Amino acid sequence: MSPRRPIAELVGPDELPRVLDLLELVTSESDLDEALNAIVETSCDLTGAAHGVLAVLDAEGRVRDLHVHGLDDHEVDAIGDLSPHHPEMDRFIRVPIRRGGRSLGTLYLGGRPGPGAFSPTDEHVLEWLAERAAQVLALAEARARAERREEWLKVFQRSVELLEPPIDRGVALTHVAELVGWMFQARAVVLAHLVDDRIELVAEDPAADLPGKLGDLAAMRERLAPGTPVHTAVKAAFTDRRARVSQTGRSTVVVVPFPLRLTERLVIGVVLRRDAHPPDQAELELLTSFANHATTSIDRLEGLAERQELMVLADRERIARDLHDVVIQRLFATGLQLQGLRRHLPTAEQARFDAVVRDLDQTIRDIRTTIFELSRLRGRSLRAEVRQLVAEYAEPLGFRATVELQGPLDTTVPDRISDYLLATLREALSNVVRHAAATAVEVGLSVGADGVALRVADDGRGLGAPGVESGLLNVRRRARDLGGDVRITGAPGEGTTLEWVVPLPD
């Protein structure tokens, strides 16, 4: 194969200024469309072609954009399939646009006047112009990647601001989902758990500032069954801890793993718009980095919340100790001194004096009651009791239920609610053992401004199983006694979910 001749030897002296102008345009920060249109027009001028089309391909090899010279829309449609395998036609030439082994597009010319096809010199000129087109497209991709990295940096910075403690874990996850949805201009963003071999949606984010409504995700739920493309992508994402792309029907879903504390397998699913291009590998790597960053931030939030809870407990212990060792002893000594002074008082004043001493004794008793309450709170941990109760049911269930605890449970939930909650959890788990024939159970407990919320979900027979509803009558009664409510959902063969919510006292 003979070496390619320089472009200056392929064009005439009158055409060389046009080539130099094109070189200046494609090597500058010019608009992409302007540069590609100029390449098509120059191609026609240098070869004598009547019309030309430059087809830009996406990563999947589909035509993404067309740059046309000398043809109207109807004539472009008449050409037909502008793919790399387009058949050869008379007086028609096609030159591929490639860069680093990738096919970026194709340059088509046709309609050359006079007899004969395009000459070898024409072909060499077009190959040179195709290289310039590849250069323009590569520069545009590089600029787009840089701009995209800049957008991701802004998202990273915004996440730092949004995930600043104190913040509820659920709110933090919602912020993360909103940011990911905004980056991809998504149709929908969902949060789901990977439990054994099942994917269960745990939240749908209908944030108003997301571009587009979530709509009905029933079809999404149907596509989460084992063996479906989305299910396969989710499992693969957790295997190598990287974001994955899955095509399901006409929808493209991007999944990114969220291994919170390396035990909870949470996944964020991003449903792209139907006209959106799937993210490339570089974009998936940025998404994975963001997920890892957000995971670390949320884990840190939970660690800070637990540390704060321990600090509150330690402070209560110190206060109880100071009250017992210092305050009560001083009051007791003061009472003894006052009793020694009683005999020196006139009889008329002794009755008032005795009332003061009784008030002092009552103050000591009140302080002792407070010390007892502080000690009792210090000795009880609702978190530990819930985990212990769930562990007790591992043998009758035949497996260990998963547990998710959120919020300052040990310091804000009163004893009465704790007692009712544990009884409710015990009855719910017993009901699963007796009636559900489940293979997995999830227990969630959280506390927030709206109160305490307990959630028990299983994958068993569902509400149609005999005895399921009757076995939960006490659960409803306990919720009503505390001013709360119970919601039980499910269908035959699809498991049961119990949600028990009660308000905190003012």
Protein backbone atom coordinates (compact mmCIF):
# COMPACT_ATOMS: atom_id res chain seq x y z
CA MET A 1 0.00 0.00 0.00
CA SER A 2 1.52 3.30 -1.13
CA PRO A 3 1.81 6.10 1.43
CA ARG A 4 -0.92 8.70 1.34
CA ARG A 5 0.03 11.92 -0.42
CA PRO A 6 -0.21 15.25 1.47
CA ILE A 7 -3.43 17.15 0.97
CA ALA A 8 -1.53 19.97 -0.75
CA GLU A 9 -0.66 17.55 -3.57
CA LEU A 10 -4.24 16.27 -3.86
CA VAL A 11 -5.92 19.63 -4.49
CA GLY A 12 -5.24 22.39 -6.95
CA PRO A 13 -3.78 25.81 -6.08
CA ASP A 14 -7.22 27.43 -6.27
CA GLU A 15 -8.64 24.94 -3.78
CA LEU A 16 -5.83 25.16 -1.23
CA PRO A 17 -7.17 28.33 0.52
CA ARG A 18 -10.46 26.52 1.07
CA VAL A 19 -8.60 23.62 2.68
CA LEU A 20 -6.64 26.00 4.92
CA ASP A 21 -9.86 27.74 6.02
CA LEU A 22 -11.34 24.36 6.90
CA LEU A 23 -8.25 23.40 8.90
CA GLU A 24 -8.48 26.64 10.86
CA LEU A 25 -12.14 25.98 11.56
CA VAL A 26 -11.79 22.36 12.74
CA THR A 27 -8.79 23.11 14.99
CA SER A 28 -10.49 26.04 16.72
CA GLU A 29 -13.18 26.05 19.44
CA SER A 30 -15.83 26.22 16.74
CA ASP A 31 -19.36 24.88 17.01
CA LEU A 32 -19.58 21.15 16.24
CA ASP A 33 -22.43 21.50 13.75
CA GLU A 34 -20.67 24.36 11.97
CA ALA A 35 -17.46 22.34 11.59
CA LEU A 36 -19.19 19.18 10.32
CA ASN A 37 -21.35 21.15 7.88
CA ALA A 38 -18.20 22.81 6.56
CA ILE A 39 -16.56 19.40 6.04
CA VAL A 40 -19.53 18.12 4.02
CA GLU A 41 -19.64 21.28 1.90
CA THR A 42 -15.88 21.24 1.31
CA SER A 43 -16.06 17.55 0.36
CA CYS A 44 -18.57 18.34 -2.36
CA ASP A 45 -16.58 21.33 -3.61
CA LEU A 46 -13.27 19.47 -3.82
CA THR A 47 -14.68 16.38 -5.58
CA GLY A 48 -17.36 17.98 -7.72
CA ALA A 49 -20.14 16.05 -5.97
CA ALA A 50 -23.64 17.51 -6.15
CA HIS A 51 -24.60 16.46 -2.65
CA GLY A 52 -23.12 14.97 0.52
CA VAL A 53 -24.24 13.58 3.85
CA LEU A 54 -22.16 13.17 6.99
CA ALA A 55 -23.85 10.65 9.35
CA VAL A 56 -22.74 10.70 12.99
CA LEU A 57 -23.17 7.39 14.85
CA ASP A 58 -23.83 6.78 18.54
CA ALA A 59 -22.06 4.17 20.67
CA GLU A 60 -24.50 1.50 19.46
CA GLY A 61 -23.80 2.22 15.79
CA ARG A 62 -27.13 3.99 15.21
CA VAL A 63 -27.34 7.23 13.24
CA ARG A 64 -27.46 10.02 15.81
CA ASP A 65 -27.23 13.08 13.59
CA LEU A 66 -27.07 14.03 9.91
CA HIS A 67 -25.23 16.92 8.28
CA VAL A 68 -26.47 17.43 4.72
CA HIS A 69 -25.37 19.53 1.74
CA GLY A 70 -27.22 19.75 -1.57
CA LEU A 71 -30.27 17.65 -0.57
CA ASP A 72 -33.65 18.47 0.89
CA ASP A 73 -35.42 16.36 3.53
CA HIS A 74 -37.35 14.27 1.00
CA GLU A 75 -34.18 13.44 -0.89
CA VAL A 76 -32.42 12.42 2.32
CA ASP A 77 -35.31 10.10 3.17
CA ALA A 78 -35.12 8.59 -0.31
CA ILE A 79 -31.50 7.55 0.26
CA GLY A 80 -32.72 5.07 2.88
CA ASP A 81 -30.54 3.33 5.47
CA LEU A 82 -27.39 5.36 6.08
CA SER A 83 -25.63 2.55 7.94
CA PRO A 84 -22.00 1.44 7.50
CA HIS A 85 -23.34 -1.49 5.46
CA HIS A 86 -25.23 0.69 2.99
CA PRO A 87 -24.89 -0.91 -0.48
CA GLU A 88 -22.67 0.67 -3.10
CA MET A 89 -24.48 2.78 -5.69
CA ASP A 90 -23.50 4.22 -9.03
CA ARG A 91 -21.68 7.56 -8.79
CA PHE A 92 -21.88 7.31 -5.01
CA ILE A 93 -18.95 7.05 -2.58
CA ARG A 94 -18.81 6.28 1.11
CA VAL A 95 -15.85 6.86 3.44
CA PRO A 96 -15.90 5.71 7.10
CA ILE A 97 -15.05 8.13 9.88
CA ARG A 98 -13.01 6.27 12.49
CA ARG A 99 -10.93 7.12 15.54
CA GLY A 100 -8.97 4.67 17.65
CA GLY A 101 -10.79 1.65 16.24
CA ARG A 102 -14.22 3.21 16.83
CA SER A 103 -16.67 4.00 14.08
CA LEU A 104 -17.84 7.59 14.62
CA GLY A 105 -19.75 8.02 11.39
CA THR A 106 -19.67 7.92 7.60
CA LEU A 107 -19.22 10.51 4.88
CA TYR A 108 -21.38 9.95 1.78
CA LEU A 109 -21.04 11.84 -1.52
CA GLY A 110 -23.00 11.45 -4.74
CA GLY A 111 -24.32 13.12 -7.84
CA ARG A 112 -21.01 13.80 -9.50
CA PRO A 113 -21.70 15.32 -12.94
CA GLY A 114 -20.39 13.77 -16.10
CA PRO A 115 -19.41 10.17 -16.90
CA GLY A 116 -17.40 7.97 -14.56
CA ALA A 117 -17.20 7.38 -10.85
CA PHE A 118 -15.11 9.18 -8.26
CA SER A 119 -11.38 8.98 -8.91
CA PRO A 120 -8.71 7.56 -6.58
CA THR A 121 -7.61 11.14 -5.91
CA ASP A 122 -11.16 12.00 -4.85
CA GLU A 123 -11.13 9.04 -2.51
CA HIS A 124 -7.85 10.16 -0.94
CA VAL A 125 -9.23 13.67 -0.45
CA LEU A 126 -12.32 12.27 1.23
CA GLU A 127 -10.22 10.07 3.50
CA TRP A 128 -8.31 13.16 4.60
CA LEU A 129 -11.59 15.01 5.21
CA ALA A 130 -12.95 11.99 7.13
CA GLU A 131 -9.90 12.21 9.39
CA ARG A 132 -10.70 15.87 10.03
CA ALA A 133 -14.28 14.90 10.85
CA ALA A 134 -13.01 12.26 13.29
CA GLN A 135 -10.79 14.92 14.84
CA VAL A 136 -13.74 17.28 15.27
CA LEU A 137 -15.93 14.57 16.77
CA ALA A 138 -13.18 13.42 19.14
CA LEU A 139 -12.61 17.00 20.34
CA ALA A 140 -16.34 17.45 20.83
CA GLU A 141 -16.50 14.22 22.86
CA ALA A 142 -13.55 15.37 24.97
CA ARG A 143 -15.25 18.71 25.65
CA ALA A 144 -18.52 16.96 26.47
CA ARG A 145 -16.73 14.63 28.90
CA ALA A 146 -15.04 17.59 30.57
CA GLU A 147 -18.34 19.42 30.90
CA ARG A 148 -19.96 16.26 32.26
CA ARG A 149 -17.20 15.86 34.84
CA GLU A 150 -17.77 19.46 35.85
CA GLU A 151 -21.48 18.72 36.34
CA TRP A 152 -20.64 15.68 38.45
CA LEU A 153 -18.26 17.77 40.55
CA LYS A 154 -21.15 20.13 41.24
CA VAL A 155 -23.31 17.16 42.23
CA PHE A 156 -20.56 15.93 44.57
CA GLN A 157 -20.38 19.40 46.14
CA ARG A 158 -24.15 19.64 46.43
CA SER A 159 -24.29 16.24 48.11
CA VAL A 160 -21.79 17.43 50.71
CA GLU A 161 -24.11 20.35 51.49
CA LEU A 162 -27.29 18.24 51.54
CA LEU A 163 -25.87 15.39 53.61
CA GLU A 164 -24.56 17.64 56.36
CA PRO A 165 -25.60 16.29 59.78
CA PRO A 166 -27.98 16.27 61.48
CA ILE A 167 -30.22 14.70 58.83
CA ASP A 168 -32.54 11.71 58.76
CA ARG A 169 -31.26 8.71 56.83
CA GLY A 170 -34.40 8.49 54.69
CA VAL A 171 -34.14 12.17 53.78
CA ALA A 172 -30.48 11.67 52.89
CA LEU A 173 -31.31 8.81 50.52
CA THR A 174 -34.04 10.93 48.92
CA HIS A 175 -31.52 13.71 48.29
CA VAL A 176 -29.14 11.24 46.66
CA ALA A 177 -31.91 9.88 44.43
CA GLU A 178 -32.91 13.42 43.41
CA LEU A 179 -29.32 14.30 42.47
CA VAL A 180 -28.88 11.15 40.38
CA GLY A 181 -32.25 11.73 38.70
CA TRP A 182 -31.30 15.32 37.90
CA MET A 183 -27.97 14.27 36.38
CA PHE A 184 -29.66 11.83 34.00
CA GLN A 185 -32.84 13.89 33.41
CA ALA A 186 -34.57 10.66 34.45
CA ARG A 187 -38.18 9.60 33.98
CA ALA A 188 -38.08 7.82 37.32
CA VAL A 189 -35.76 7.09 40.22
CA VAL A 190 -36.42 4.13 42.51
CA LEU A 191 -34.82 2.72 45.64
CA ALA A 192 -34.83 -1.04 46.08
CA HIS A 193 -33.37 -3.75 48.30
CA LEU A 194 -31.65 -6.84 46.99
CA VAL A 195 -32.81 -9.52 49.46
CA ASP A 196 -31.29 -12.91 48.73
CA ASP A 197 -32.36 -13.37 45.09
CA ARG A 198 -35.24 -10.89 45.11
CA ILE A 199 -35.44 -7.17 44.35
CA GLU A 200 -38.01 -5.24 46.38
CA LEU A 201 -38.89 -1.61 45.78
CA VAL A 202 -38.70 0.30 49.05
CA ALA A 203 -39.22 3.85 47.80
CA GLU A 204 -40.22 5.82 44.76
CA ASP A 205 -39.03 9.38 44.54
CA PRO A 206 -41.77 11.71 43.20
CA ALA A 207 -39.78 14.88 43.86
CA ALA A 208 -41.37 17.83 42.11
CA ASP A 209 -38.04 19.28 41.01
CA LEU A 210 -37.09 16.17 39.08
CA PRO A 211 -37.45 16.79 35.34
CA GLY A 212 -40.47 14.63 34.54
CA LYS A 213 -43.07 12.71 36.48
CA LEU A 214 -42.46 9.23 37.79
CA GLY A 215 -45.74 7.88 36.51
CA ASP A 216 -46.85 4.30 37.06
CA LEU A 217 -43.99 1.96 37.94
CA ALA A 218 -46.10 -1.19 37.92
CA ALA A 219 -44.33 -2.34 34.76
CA MET A 220 -41.00 -1.78 36.52
CA ARG A 221 -42.03 -4.08 39.38
CA GLU A 222 -42.92 -6.81 36.90
CA ARG A 223 -39.45 -6.60 35.40
CA LEU A 224 -37.64 -7.15 38.69
CA ALA A 225 -38.28 -10.90 38.86
CA PRO A 226 -35.27 -13.26 38.84
CA GLY A 227 -33.95 -13.81 35.34
CA THR A 228 -35.10 -10.48 33.94
CA PRO A 229 -32.48 -8.10 32.46
CA VAL A 230 -32.84 -5.60 35.33
CA HIS A 231 -32.50 -8.33 37.95
CA THR A 232 -29.38 -9.65 36.22
CA ALA A 233 -27.89 -6.15 36.04
CA VAL A 234 -28.56 -5.52 39.74
CA LYS A 235 -26.85 -8.75 40.79
CA ALA A 236 -23.89 -8.01 38.52
CA ALA A 237 -23.66 -4.48 39.94
CA PHE A 238 -23.32 -5.86 43.47
CA THR A 239 -20.81 -8.47 42.34
CA ASP A 240 -18.28 -5.96 41.00
CA ARG A 241 -19.58 -2.85 42.87
CA ARG A 242 -20.08 -0.92 39.63
CA ALA A 243 -23.03 0.77 37.94
CA ARG A 244 -24.67 -1.18 35.13
CA VAL A 245 -27.05 -0.48 32.23
CA SER A 246 -30.00 -2.72 31.43
CA GLN A 247 -32.45 -2.60 28.54
CA THR A 248 -35.95 -3.71 29.49
CA GLY A 249 -38.65 -3.34 26.87
CA ARG A 250 -38.38 0.17 25.48
CA SER A 251 -36.84 1.50 28.69
CA THR A 252 -33.20 1.86 29.64
CA VAL A 253 -32.47 1.41 33.35
CA VAL A 254 -29.20 2.38 35.03
CA VAL A 255 -28.59 0.58 38.34
CA VAL A 256 -25.97 1.56 40.91
CA PRO A 257 -25.25 -0.42 44.11
CA PHE A 258 -25.38 1.25 47.53
CA PRO A 259 -23.70 -1.18 49.98
CA LEU A 260 -24.50 0.74 53.17
CA ARG A 261 -22.22 -0.49 55.97
CA LEU A 262 -21.43 -3.44 53.71
CA THR A 263 -24.52 -5.30 54.95
CA GLU A 264 -27.58 -3.60 53.48
CA ARG A 265 -27.75 -4.16 49.73
CA LEU A 266 -29.58 -1.07 48.52
CA VAL A 267 -29.75 -0.15 44.84
CA ILE A 268 -30.80 3.02 43.05
CA GLY A 269 -32.48 2.47 39.69
CA VAL A 270 -32.62 5.30 37.16
CA VAL A 271 -35.19 4.95 34.37
CA LEU A 272 -33.96 7.05 31.46
CA ARG A 273 -36.12 8.95 29.02
CA ARG A 274 -36.82 6.95 25.88
CA ASP A 275 -34.94 9.50 23.74
CA ALA A 276 -31.90 9.52 26.05
CA HIS A 277 -28.62 7.88 25.08
CA PRO A 278 -27.36 5.24 27.54
CA PRO A 279 -24.36 6.41 29.59
CA ASP A 280 -20.93 5.32 28.42
CA GLN A 281 -18.33 3.61 30.58
CA ALA A 282 -16.80 6.89 31.74
CA GLU A 283 -20.23 8.10 32.88
CA LEU A 284 -20.88 4.82 34.72
CA GLU A 285 -17.55 5.19 36.52
CA LEU A 286 -18.51 8.71 37.64
CA LEU A 287 -21.87 7.40 38.84
CA THR A 288 -20.16 4.59 40.76
CA SER A 289 -17.78 7.09 42.38
CA PHE A 290 -20.70 9.28 43.41
CA ALA A 291 -22.54 6.29 44.88
CA ASN A 292 -19.46 5.33 46.90
CA HIS A 293 -19.09 8.92 48.09
CA ALA A 294 -22.77 9.12 49.09
CA THR A 295 -22.59 5.71 50.80
CA THR A 296 -19.66 6.87 52.91
CA SER A 297 -21.50 10.08 53.80
CA ILE A 298 -24.68 8.26 54.87
CA ASP A 299 -22.70 5.71 56.87
CA ARG A 300 -20.96 8.63 58.57
CA LEU A 301 -24.34 10.19 59.37
CA GLU A 302 -25.51 7.00 61.05
CA GLY A 303 -22.24 6.72 62.96
CA LEU A 304 -22.59 10.31 64.20
CA ALA A 305 -26.21 9.65 65.23
CA GLU A 306 -25.16 6.60 67.24
CA ARG A 307 -22.29 8.56 68.80
CA GLN A 308 -24.69 11.37 69.71
CA GLU A 309 -27.05 8.85 71.28
CA LEU A 310 -24.22 7.39 73.34
CA MET A 311 -23.21 10.89 74.43
CA VAL A 312 -26.77 11.58 75.59
CA LEU A 313 -26.81 8.34 77.58
CA ALA A 314 -23.42 9.16 79.11
CA ASP A 315 -24.64 12.64 80.00
CA ARG A 316 -27.71 11.20 81.70
CA GLU A 317 -25.51 8.88 83.71
CA ARG A 318 -23.32 11.78 84.81
CA ILE A 319 -26.34 13.86 85.81
CA ALA A 320 -27.79 10.97 87.82
CA ARG A 321 -24.46 10.43 89.57
CA ASP A 322 -24.07 14.13 90.39
CA LEU A 323 -27.62 14.33 91.73
CA HIS A 324 -27.07 11.32 93.98
CA ASP A 325 -23.54 12.04 95.15
CA VAL A 326 -23.67 15.82 95.50
CA VAL A 327 -27.12 17.41 95.40
CA ILE A 328 -29.01 14.90 97.57
CA GLN A 329 -26.22 14.73 100.13
CA ARG A 330 -26.16 18.51 100.48
CA LEU A 331 -29.93 18.69 100.83
CA PHE A 332 -29.88 15.88 103.40
CA ALA A 333 -27.18 17.65 105.41
CA THR A 334 -29.14 20.89 105.22
CA GLY A 335 -32.25 19.08 106.52
CA LEU A 336 -30.34 17.71 109.50
CA GLN A 337 -29.04 21.16 110.34
CA LEU A 338 -32.53 22.61 110.15
CA GLN A 339 -33.92 19.92 112.45
CA GLY A 340 -31.22 20.83 115.00
CA LEU A 341 -32.43 24.44 114.95
CA ARG A 342 -36.11 23.56 115.54
CA ARG A 343 -35.84 23.44 119.31
CA HIS A 344 -34.60 27.03 119.39
CA LEU A 345 -37.69 28.36 117.57
CA PRO A 346 -40.80 29.73 119.29
CA THR A 347 -43.72 27.30 119.36
CA ALA A 348 -45.72 29.50 117.01
CA GLU A 349 -43.03 29.24 114.32
CA GLN A 350 -42.42 25.48 114.59
CA ALA A 351 -45.43 24.56 112.39
CA ARG A 352 -44.13 26.72 109.52
CA PHE A 353 -40.67 25.29 110.09
CA ASP A 354 -42.01 21.71 109.86
CA ALA A 355 -43.69 22.56 106.51
CA VAL A 356 -40.34 23.75 105.13
CA VAL A 357 -38.65 20.50 106.23
CA ARG A 358 -41.42 18.44 104.61
CA ASP A 359 -40.93 20.36 101.36
CA LEU A 360 -37.23 19.63 101.57
CA ASP A 361 -37.93 15.91 102.09
CA GLN A 362 -40.28 15.91 99.08
CA THR A 363 -37.60 17.58 96.96
CA ILE A 364 -35.15 14.80 97.92
CA ARG A 365 -37.74 12.15 96.99
CA ASP A 366 -38.38 13.88 93.64
CA ILE A 367 -34.68 13.94 92.86
CA ARG A 368 -34.38 10.26 93.73
CA THR A 369 -37.28 9.50 91.37
CA THR A 370 -35.49 11.40 88.62
CA ILE A 371 -32.29 9.44 89.29
CA PHE A 372 -34.25 6.20 89.03
CA GLU A 373 -35.78 7.27 85.69
CA LEU A 374 -32.38 8.24 84.30
CA SER A 375 -30.86 4.94 85.43
CA ARG A 376 -33.73 2.96 83.94
CA LEU A 377 -33.37 4.76 80.60
CA ARG A 378 -29.65 4.12 80.67
CA GLY A 379 -30.18 0.42 81.19
CA ARG A 380 -32.70 -0.10 78.39
CA SER A 381 -31.91 -0.15 74.67
CA LEU A 382 -34.83 -0.49 72.27
CA ARG A 383 -32.39 -1.18 69.46
CA ALA A 384 -30.88 -4.10 71.36
CA GLU A 385 -34.30 -5.45 72.36
CA VAL A 386 -35.54 -5.41 68.77
CA ARG A 387 -32.44 -7.21 67.51
CA GLN A 388 -32.68 -9.75 70.33
CA LEU A 389 -36.36 -10.40 69.59
CA VAL A 390 -35.67 -10.90 65.90
CA ALA A 391 -32.80 -13.26 66.76
CA GLU A 392 -35.20 -15.34 68.89
CA TYR A 393 -37.36 -15.98 65.84
CA ALA A 394 -34.49 -17.14 63.60
CA GLU A 395 -35.06 -20.79 64.55
CA PRO A 396 -38.89 -20.93 64.18
CA LEU A 397 -38.68 -18.96 60.92
CA GLY A 398 -35.88 -21.07 59.56
CA PHE A 399 -33.83 -17.99 58.65
CA ARG A 400 -32.66 -14.66 60.11
CA ALA A 401 -34.90 -11.70 59.33
CA THR A 402 -33.15 -8.54 58.16
CA VAL A 403 -33.32 -5.54 60.49
CA GLU A 404 -33.05 -1.83 59.64
CA LEU A 405 -33.11 0.70 62.53
CA GLN A 406 -33.18 4.47 62.00
CA GLY A 407 -33.14 7.42 64.36
CA PRO A 408 -32.48 7.93 68.10
CA LEU A 409 -34.69 5.05 69.24
CA ASP A 410 -33.06 4.54 72.63
CA THR A 411 -33.40 8.16 73.74
CA THR A 412 -36.75 9.33 72.32
CA VAL A 413 -39.16 6.38 72.49
CA PRO A 414 -40.97 6.17 75.86
CA ASP A 415 -41.27 2.89 77.73
CA ARG A 416 -45.00 2.46 77.08
CA ILE A 417 -44.54 2.76 73.33
CA SER A 418 -41.47 0.49 73.47
CA ASP A 419 -43.44 -2.18 75.33
CA TYR A 420 -46.35 -2.01 72.86
CA LEU A 421 -43.96 -1.96 69.91
CA LEU A 422 -42.08 -5.07 71.06
CA ALA A 423 -45.35 -6.89 71.67
CA THR A 424 -46.51 -5.90 68.18
CA LEU A 425 -43.26 -7.08 66.62
CA ARG A 426 -43.48 -10.39 68.49
CA GLU A 427 -47.06 -10.95 67.33
CA ALA A 428 -46.20 -10.02 63.73
CA LEU A 429 -43.28 -12.46 63.65
CA SER A 430 -45.40 -15.18 65.28
CA ASN A 431 -48.04 -14.60 62.65
CA VAL A 432 -45.43 -15.07 59.91
CA VAL A 433 -44.31 -18.34 61.51
CA ARG A 434 -47.87 -19.68 61.87
CA HIS A 435 -49.44 -18.61 58.59
CA ALA A 436 -47.07 -17.10 56.01
CA ALA A 437 -44.67 -19.92 55.00
CA ALA A 438 -42.25 -17.13 54.16
CA THR A 439 -38.65 -17.43 53.02
CA ALA A 440 -37.66 -13.84 53.88
CA VAL A 441 -38.77 -11.19 56.39
CA GLU A 442 -37.69 -7.57 56.67
CA VAL A 443 -38.10 -5.60 59.91
CA GLY A 444 -37.78 -1.82 59.76
CA LEU A 445 -38.06 0.57 62.73
CA SER A 446 -37.62 4.33 62.61
CA VAL A 447 -38.38 7.38 64.72
CA GLY A 448 -38.89 10.90 63.46
CA ALA A 449 -41.02 14.00 63.78
CA ASP A 450 -44.14 12.04 62.83
CA GLY A 451 -43.64 9.37 65.49
CA VAL A 452 -42.46 5.77 65.61
CA ALA A 453 -42.94 3.51 62.58
CA LEU A 454 -42.58 -0.27 62.56
CA ARG A 455 -42.63 -2.20 59.29
CA VAL A 456 -42.66 -5.99 58.97
CA ALA A 457 -42.73 -7.43 55.43
CA ASP A 458 -42.64 -11.07 54.35
CA ASP A 459 -42.75 -12.92 51.02
CA GLY A 460 -45.24 -15.57 52.15
CA ARG A 461 -48.79 -16.57 51.24
CA GLY A 462 -50.27 -13.09 51.61
CA LEU A 463 -53.51 -11.82 53.11
CA GLY A 464 -55.54 -14.64 51.60
CA ALA A 465 -53.99 -17.16 54.01
CA PRO A 466 -56.41 -18.36 56.75
CA GLY A 467 -55.85 -16.76 60.14
CA VAL A 468 -53.55 -13.97 58.95
CA GLU A 469 -55.96 -11.09 59.63
CA SER A 470 -57.45 -12.57 62.83
CA GLY A 471 -53.98 -13.00 64.26
CA LEU A 472 -53.37 -9.24 64.03
CA LEU A 473 -56.34 -7.95 66.06
CA ASN A 474 -54.16 -7.18 69.08
CA VAL A 475 -51.76 -5.30 66.84
CA ARG A 476 -54.57 -2.97 65.77
CA ARG A 477 -55.76 -2.51 69.35
CA ARG A 478 -52.29 -1.50 70.59
CA ALA A 479 -51.93 1.07 67.84
CA ARG A 480 -55.36 2.58 68.64
CA ASP A 481 -54.51 2.74 72.37
CA LEU A 482 -51.50 4.90 71.51
CA GLY A 483 -53.38 7.10 69.03
CA GLY A 484 -51.75 5.46 66.03
CA ASP A 485 -52.76 3.37 63.06
CA VAL A 486 -52.01 0.09 61.31
CA ARG A 487 -51.92 -0.64 57.61
CA ILE A 488 -51.73 -4.23 56.34
CA THR A 489 -51.25 -4.78 52.63
CA GLY A 490 -50.63 -7.76 50.39
CA ALA A 491 -52.27 -10.20 48.06
CA PRO A 492 -52.53 -13.99 47.91
CA GLY A 493 -49.16 -15.44 47.04
CA GLU A 494 -47.41 -12.04 47.16
CA GLY A 495 -46.54 -11.70 50.84
CA THR A 496 -47.80 -9.33 53.54
CA THR A 497 -46.56 -5.96 54.77
CA LEU A 498 -47.56 -4.60 58.19
CA GLU A 499 -46.98 -0.90 58.94
CA TRP A 500 -47.57 0.15 62.57
CA VAL A 501 -47.27 3.90 63.22
CA VAL A 502 -47.87 5.74 66.54
CA PRO A 503 -47.16 9.37 67.50
CA LEU A 504 -44.68 10.39 70.16
CA PRO A 505 -46.10 12.19 73.22
CA ASP A 506 -45.76 15.97 73.26
